[in-house]
Protein backbone atom coordinates (compact mmCIF):
# COMPACT_ATOMS: atom_id res chain seq x y z
CA MET A 1 90.39 23.57 -0.19
CA ALA A 2 87.21 22.62 -2.04
CA LYS A 3 83.53 22.17 -1.34
CA VAL A 4 82.94 18.44 -1.85
CA ALA A 5 79.96 16.08 -1.74
CA PHE A 6 80.45 12.36 -1.09
CA LEU A 7 77.71 9.88 -1.99
CA GLY A 8 77.80 6.42 -0.44
CA LEU A 9 79.21 5.62 2.99
CA GLY A 10 79.99 1.91 2.88
CA VAL A 11 83.16 0.32 4.22
CA MET A 12 85.15 2.24 1.60
CA GLY A 13 83.23 5.50 1.26
CA TYR A 14 82.91 6.25 4.98
CA PRO A 15 86.67 6.53 5.64
CA MET A 16 87.35 8.11 2.23
CA ALA A 17 84.94 10.94 3.01
CA GLY A 18 86.61 11.20 6.40
CA HIS A 19 90.01 11.76 4.79
CA LEU A 20 88.55 14.56 2.69
CA SER A 21 87.26 16.27 5.81
CA LYS A 22 90.56 15.78 7.65
CA ALA A 23 92.38 17.33 4.67
CA GLY A 24 90.37 20.51 5.20
CA HIS A 25 87.74 20.19 2.48
CA GLU A 26 84.17 21.24 3.23
CA VAL A 27 82.32 17.91 2.94
CA THR A 28 78.61 17.11 2.70
CA VAL A 29 77.67 13.43 2.62
CA TYR A 30 74.69 11.44 1.43
CA ASN A 31 73.90 7.81 2.21
CA ARG A 32 70.82 5.75 1.41
CA THR A 33 70.60 4.88 5.12
CA ALA A 34 70.38 8.34 6.63
CA SER A 35 71.54 7.29 10.09
CA LYS A 36 74.96 6.43 8.69
CA ALA A 37 75.28 9.90 7.15
CA GLU A 38 74.31 11.42 10.50
CA ALA A 39 76.92 9.30 12.28
CA TRP A 40 79.59 10.37 9.77
CA ALA A 41 78.75 14.06 10.21
CA SER A 42 78.91 13.66 13.98
CA GLU A 43 82.32 11.97 13.77
CA PHE A 44 83.98 14.21 11.21
CA GLY A 45 82.18 17.49 11.66
CA GLY A 46 80.82 17.76 8.12
CA SER A 47 77.24 18.04 6.90
CA HIS A 48 74.75 15.47 5.62
CA ALA A 49 71.95 15.81 3.09
CA ALA A 50 68.72 13.95 2.41
CA THR A 51 69.26 13.47 -1.34
CA PRO A 52 72.19 13.31 -3.76
CA LYS A 53 70.93 16.53 -5.34
CA ALA A 54 70.93 18.35 -2.01
CA ALA A 55 74.43 17.06 -1.21
CA ALA A 56 75.74 18.19 -4.60
CA ASP A 57 74.21 21.66 -4.42
CA GLY A 58 77.06 24.17 -4.54
CA ALA A 59 79.78 21.50 -4.57
CA GLU A 60 82.80 21.86 -6.83
CA PHE A 61 83.41 18.10 -6.76
CA VAL A 62 80.99 15.24 -6.17
CA MET A 63 82.48 11.85 -5.28
CA SER A 64 80.55 8.57 -5.28
CA CYS A 65 81.27 5.08 -4.01
CA VAL A 66 78.12 2.96 -4.26
CA GLY A 67 77.31 -0.63 -5.19
CA ASN A 68 76.68 -1.29 -8.87
CA ASP A 69 75.52 0.18 -12.20
CA ASP A 70 71.94 0.72 -11.05
CA ASP A 71 73.02 2.31 -7.77
CA LEU A 72 75.28 4.70 -9.64
CA ARG A 73 72.53 5.69 -12.07
CA SER A 74 70.18 6.31 -9.14
CA VAL A 75 72.53 8.75 -7.38
CA CYS A 76 73.39 10.58 -10.62
CA LEU A 77 70.13 10.86 -12.54
CA GLY A 78 66.56 11.95 -11.91
CA ASP A 79 65.02 14.86 -10.07
CA ASP A 80 66.87 14.03 -6.84
CA GLY A 81 70.09 12.88 -8.54
CA ALA A 82 73.42 14.63 -8.12
CA PHE A 83 73.52 15.93 -11.70
CA ALA A 84 70.35 17.93 -10.96
CA GLY A 85 72.21 19.79 -8.22
CA MET A 86 75.48 20.37 -10.06
CA SER A 87 76.39 23.45 -12.06
CA ASP A 88 78.42 24.01 -15.20
CA GLY A 89 82.15 23.45 -14.69
CA THR A 90 81.85 21.15 -11.67
CA ALA A 91 83.16 17.56 -11.65
CA PHE A 92 81.72 14.18 -10.73
CA VAL A 93 84.26 11.53 -9.67
CA ASP A 94 82.97 7.96 -9.46
CA HIS A 95 84.90 5.48 -7.31
CA THR A 96 82.41 2.63 -7.78
CA THR A 97 83.46 -0.48 -9.71
CA VAL A 98 80.91 -0.55 -12.52
CA SER A 99 80.76 -1.39 -16.21
CA ALA A 100 82.51 0.81 -18.75
CA LYS A 101 79.12 0.99 -20.47
CA VAL A 102 77.38 2.85 -17.64
CA THR A 103 80.48 5.02 -17.17
CA ARG A 104 80.33 6.21 -20.79
CA GLU A 105 76.56 6.68 -20.55
CA LEU A 106 76.93 8.94 -17.51
CA TYR A 107 79.97 10.70 -18.99
CA ALA A 108 77.79 11.67 -21.97
CA ALA A 109 74.89 12.78 -19.74
CA ALA A 110 77.23 14.86 -17.60
CA SER A 111 78.91 16.42 -20.63
CA ASP A 112 75.52 17.51 -21.97
CA GLN A 113 75.13 19.57 -18.77
CA GLY A 114 78.67 20.96 -18.81
CA ILE A 115 79.70 18.68 -15.94
CA GLY A 116 83.02 16.83 -15.95
CA PHE A 117 82.94 13.08 -15.26
CA VAL A 118 85.89 10.94 -14.15
CA ASP A 119 85.65 7.18 -13.65
CA ALA A 120 88.04 6.47 -10.79
CA PRO A 121 87.64 2.95 -9.38
CA ILE A 122 89.84 2.06 -6.44
CA SER A 123 91.93 -0.83 -5.15
CA GLY A 124 93.40 -1.42 -1.72
CA GLY A 125 90.47 -2.75 0.25
CA GLN A 126 88.98 -1.50 3.48
CA ALA A 127 92.42 -1.11 5.07
CA GLY A 128 93.57 1.02 2.14
CA ALA A 129 90.53 3.26 2.50
CA GLU A 130 90.97 3.61 6.26
CA ASN A 131 94.69 4.40 5.93
CA GLY A 132 94.27 6.70 2.92
CA VAL A 133 96.55 4.66 0.65
CA LEU A 134 94.26 3.55 -2.18
CA SER A 135 95.29 2.99 -5.77
CA VAL A 136 93.02 5.07 -8.00
CA MET A 137 92.81 4.35 -11.73
CA CYS A 138 91.08 7.04 -13.78
CA GLY A 139 89.45 7.67 -17.11
CA GLY A 140 88.08 10.92 -18.49
CA ASP A 141 89.11 14.29 -19.88
CA GLU A 142 92.63 15.43 -18.98
CA ASP A 143 91.58 18.85 -17.70
CA VAL A 144 88.86 17.47 -15.43
CA PHE A 145 91.23 14.84 -14.05
CA ALA A 146 93.87 17.51 -13.40
CA ARG A 147 91.38 19.48 -11.31
CA ALA A 148 90.13 16.43 -9.42
CA GLU A 149 93.50 14.78 -8.67
CA PRO A 150 94.48 17.05 -5.75
CA VAL A 151 91.17 16.24 -4.06
CA ILE A 152 91.48 12.50 -4.70
CA ASP A 153 94.98 12.63 -3.20
CA ALA A 154 93.38 12.87 0.27
CA TYR A 155 92.95 9.06 0.24
CA ALA A 156 95.29 7.89 -2.54
CA ARG A 157 98.75 6.38 -2.58
CA ILE A 158 98.74 6.58 -6.37
CA CYS A 159 96.24 8.28 -8.67
CA ARG A 160 96.77 8.05 -12.40
CA ARG A 161 94.78 8.86 -15.53
CA ILE A 162 94.92 5.86 -17.87
CA GLY A 163 92.94 7.29 -20.79
CA ASP A 164 89.55 8.50 -21.95
CA SER A 165 86.19 7.77 -20.30
CA GLY A 166 85.94 4.10 -19.33
CA ALA A 167 89.70 3.53 -19.13
CA GLY A 168 89.63 3.61 -15.34
CA GLN A 169 86.99 0.89 -15.21
CA MET A 170 88.86 -1.20 -17.77
CA THR A 171 91.98 -0.93 -15.60
CA LYS A 172 90.01 -2.02 -12.53
CA MET A 173 88.93 -5.07 -14.53
CA CYS A 174 92.63 -5.89 -15.07
CA ASN A 175 93.08 -5.56 -11.31
CA GLN A 176 90.26 -8.01 -10.51
CA ILE A 177 91.40 -10.47 -13.19
CA ALA A 178 94.88 -10.52 -11.64
CA ILE A 179 93.54 -10.91 -8.08
CA ALA A 180 91.30 -13.84 -9.01
CA GLY A 181 94.20 -15.93 -10.27
CA LEU A 182 96.50 -14.90 -7.40
CA VAL A 183 94.02 -15.84 -4.67
CA GLN A 184 93.29 -19.20 -6.26
CA GLY A 185 97.01 -19.93 -6.56
CA LEU A 186 97.63 -18.96 -2.93
CA SER A 187 94.66 -21.06 -1.80
CA GLU A 188 96.01 -24.11 -3.61
CA ALA A 189 99.52 -23.58 -2.20
CA LEU A 190 98.26 -23.34 1.40
CA HIS A 191 95.89 -26.27 0.89
CA PHE A 192 98.75 -28.36 -0.49
CA ALA A 193 100.92 -27.42 2.51
CA GLU A 194 98.17 -28.50 4.90
CA LYS A 195 97.69 -31.84 3.15
CA ALA A 196 101.46 -32.45 3.03
CA GLY A 197 101.79 -31.82 6.77
CA LEU A 198 103.86 -28.66 6.38
CA ASP A 199 103.84 -25.60 8.64
CA GLY A 200 102.00 -23.11 6.44
CA ARG A 201 103.47 -20.08 8.21
CA ALA A 202 107.01 -21.36 7.74
CA VAL A 203 106.28 -22.12 4.09
CA VAL A 204 105.02 -18.60 3.43
CA GLU A 205 107.92 -17.02 5.34
CA VAL A 206 110.24 -18.60 2.80
CA ILE A 207 108.33 -18.43 -0.48
CA SER A 208 107.03 -14.89 0.08
CA GLN A 209 110.59 -13.63 -0.20
CA GLY A 210 110.97 -15.08 -3.68
CA ALA A 211 109.09 -15.01 -6.96
CA ALA A 212 105.85 -16.27 -5.36
CA GLY A 213 105.46 -13.20 -3.18
CA SER A 214 102.38 -10.96 -3.58
CA TRP A 215 100.17 -8.53 -1.67
CA GLN A 216 97.61 -11.31 -1.26
CA MET A 217 100.23 -13.63 0.25
CA SER A 218 101.60 -11.01 2.63
CA ASN A 219 98.21 -9.75 3.82
CA ARG A 220 95.93 -12.79 3.72
CA TYR A 221 97.91 -15.97 4.37
CA GLU A 222 97.59 -15.90 8.18
CA THR A 223 93.82 -15.42 8.20
CA MET A 224 93.48 -18.10 5.51
CA ILE A 225 95.46 -20.54 7.66
CA ASP A 226 93.31 -19.57 10.67
CA ASP A 227 90.08 -20.00 8.68
CA GLU A 228 89.04 -16.37 9.23
CA PHE A 229 87.37 -14.52 6.37
CA ASN A 230 86.10 -11.20 7.69
CA HIS A 231 88.93 -9.06 6.40
CA GLY A 232 87.91 -7.31 3.23
CA PHE A 233 86.11 -7.41 -0.07
CA ALA A 234 83.16 -9.84 -0.08
CA VAL A 235 82.70 -12.76 -2.45
CA ASP A 236 79.33 -11.39 -3.60
CA TRP A 237 81.02 -8.18 -4.74
CA MET A 238 83.88 -10.06 -6.38
CA ARG A 239 81.43 -12.09 -8.44
CA LYS A 240 79.75 -8.86 -9.51
CA ASP A 241 83.12 -7.53 -10.64
CA LEU A 242 84.18 -10.73 -12.38
CA GLY A 243 80.85 -10.77 -14.22
CA ILE A 244 81.67 -7.31 -15.56
CA CYS A 245 85.14 -8.55 -16.58
CA LEU A 246 83.76 -11.58 -18.42
CA ASP A 247 81.03 -9.59 -20.19
CA THR A 248 83.55 -6.99 -21.30
CA ALA A 249 85.99 -9.68 -22.43
CA ASP A 250 83.31 -10.94 -24.82
CA GLU A 251 82.84 -7.41 -26.15
CA VAL A 252 86.55 -6.75 -26.77
CA GLY A 253 87.53 -10.26 -27.84
CA ALA A 254 89.74 -11.14 -24.86
CA SER A 255 90.16 -14.70 -23.59
CA LEU A 256 89.88 -15.11 -19.79
CA PRO A 257 89.78 -18.86 -19.10
CA VAL A 258 91.27 -18.70 -15.59
CA THR A 259 89.01 -15.81 -14.58
CA ALA A 260 85.94 -17.71 -15.79
CA LEU A 261 87.01 -20.76 -13.78
CA VAL A 262 87.70 -18.82 -10.59
CA ASP A 263 84.34 -17.08 -10.95
CA GLN A 264 82.72 -20.51 -10.78
CA PHE A 265 84.84 -21.37 -7.76
CA TYR A 266 83.49 -18.26 -6.05
CA LYS A 267 80.00 -19.47 -6.95
CA ASP A 268 80.83 -22.66 -5.03
CA VAL A 269 81.88 -20.52 -2.04
CA GLN A 270 78.50 -18.76 -2.19
CA LYS A 271 76.80 -22.17 -2.09
CA LEU A 272 78.76 -22.88 1.10
CA GLY A 273 77.13 -19.78 2.62
CA GLY A 274 80.17 -17.59 2.06
CA GLY A 275 78.76 -14.72 0.03
CA ARG A 276 79.88 -12.24 2.68
CA TRP A 277 83.23 -13.90 3.36
CA ASP A 278 86.23 -12.07 1.94
CA THR A 279 87.78 -13.16 -1.35
CA SER A 280 90.54 -15.22 0.30
CA SER A 281 87.82 -17.74 1.25
CA LEU A 282 88.53 -19.68 -1.94
CA ILE A 283 90.53 -22.00 0.30
CA LYS A 284 87.28 -22.93 2.10
CA ARG A 285 86.13 -24.57 -1.12
CA LEU A 286 89.26 -26.72 -1.25
CA ARG A 287 88.90 -27.72 2.40
CA ALA A 288 85.27 -28.64 1.82
CA MET A 289 86.35 -30.97 -0.97
CA GLY A 290 88.49 -32.94 1.52
């Protein structure tokens, strides 16, 4: 068992840190809102710290799951950042979905201090985090990943190194690109069924068993039919991720026409007041159009 710090206790990080504690690791948490860190420590029996540096002090592994590039920089760098509290030979594992650019920047900064850095974005949503069955896609040095993988396994169904630093984030971009098209397709199918007077549940019961089946269909169709959108990853966060995908596509020369279109559809959902709705709310846009 390892001494671990976990930075960021949102809907994903809170249960992930809990799984680490349940697995027997010695866990210290940090959260920008201190009351949440106190609540976590009370629930899981771990410790909480006032700064990322204090949380990382003495830890063999430091995990993070925060909001965006700037949030990640803020918990890593500076006098109170985690890197300031980490020693040579320790490892930082970042589960945030951020740009490959900031990942490589922090990988270099960590390497200069003798710290390992693994980019390890996650997929599986809040339910995956709570049930400890996340998909974890990693980039970084092989030896650092090999040391970190047994710790990550506390909340992973699959954890795989894809390549060097940044490869994990690039893989997460593939994940978000695929989801965007799938959710739009499912939204259009259910909208069509409604307009055609079909029983949406009966339709999905049949088509989900064939080539149209997907995780999105199996896990989101009922709440989409019921017009409920409080079940996962928010539209605001999806637009952040798709923006990263589109910016990176320009850099690498990839063409993402469907992703660019769906990003604009999510912008329409935001205009409807749905920034905090989950990503399956694309169907709300179609319903609003009549």
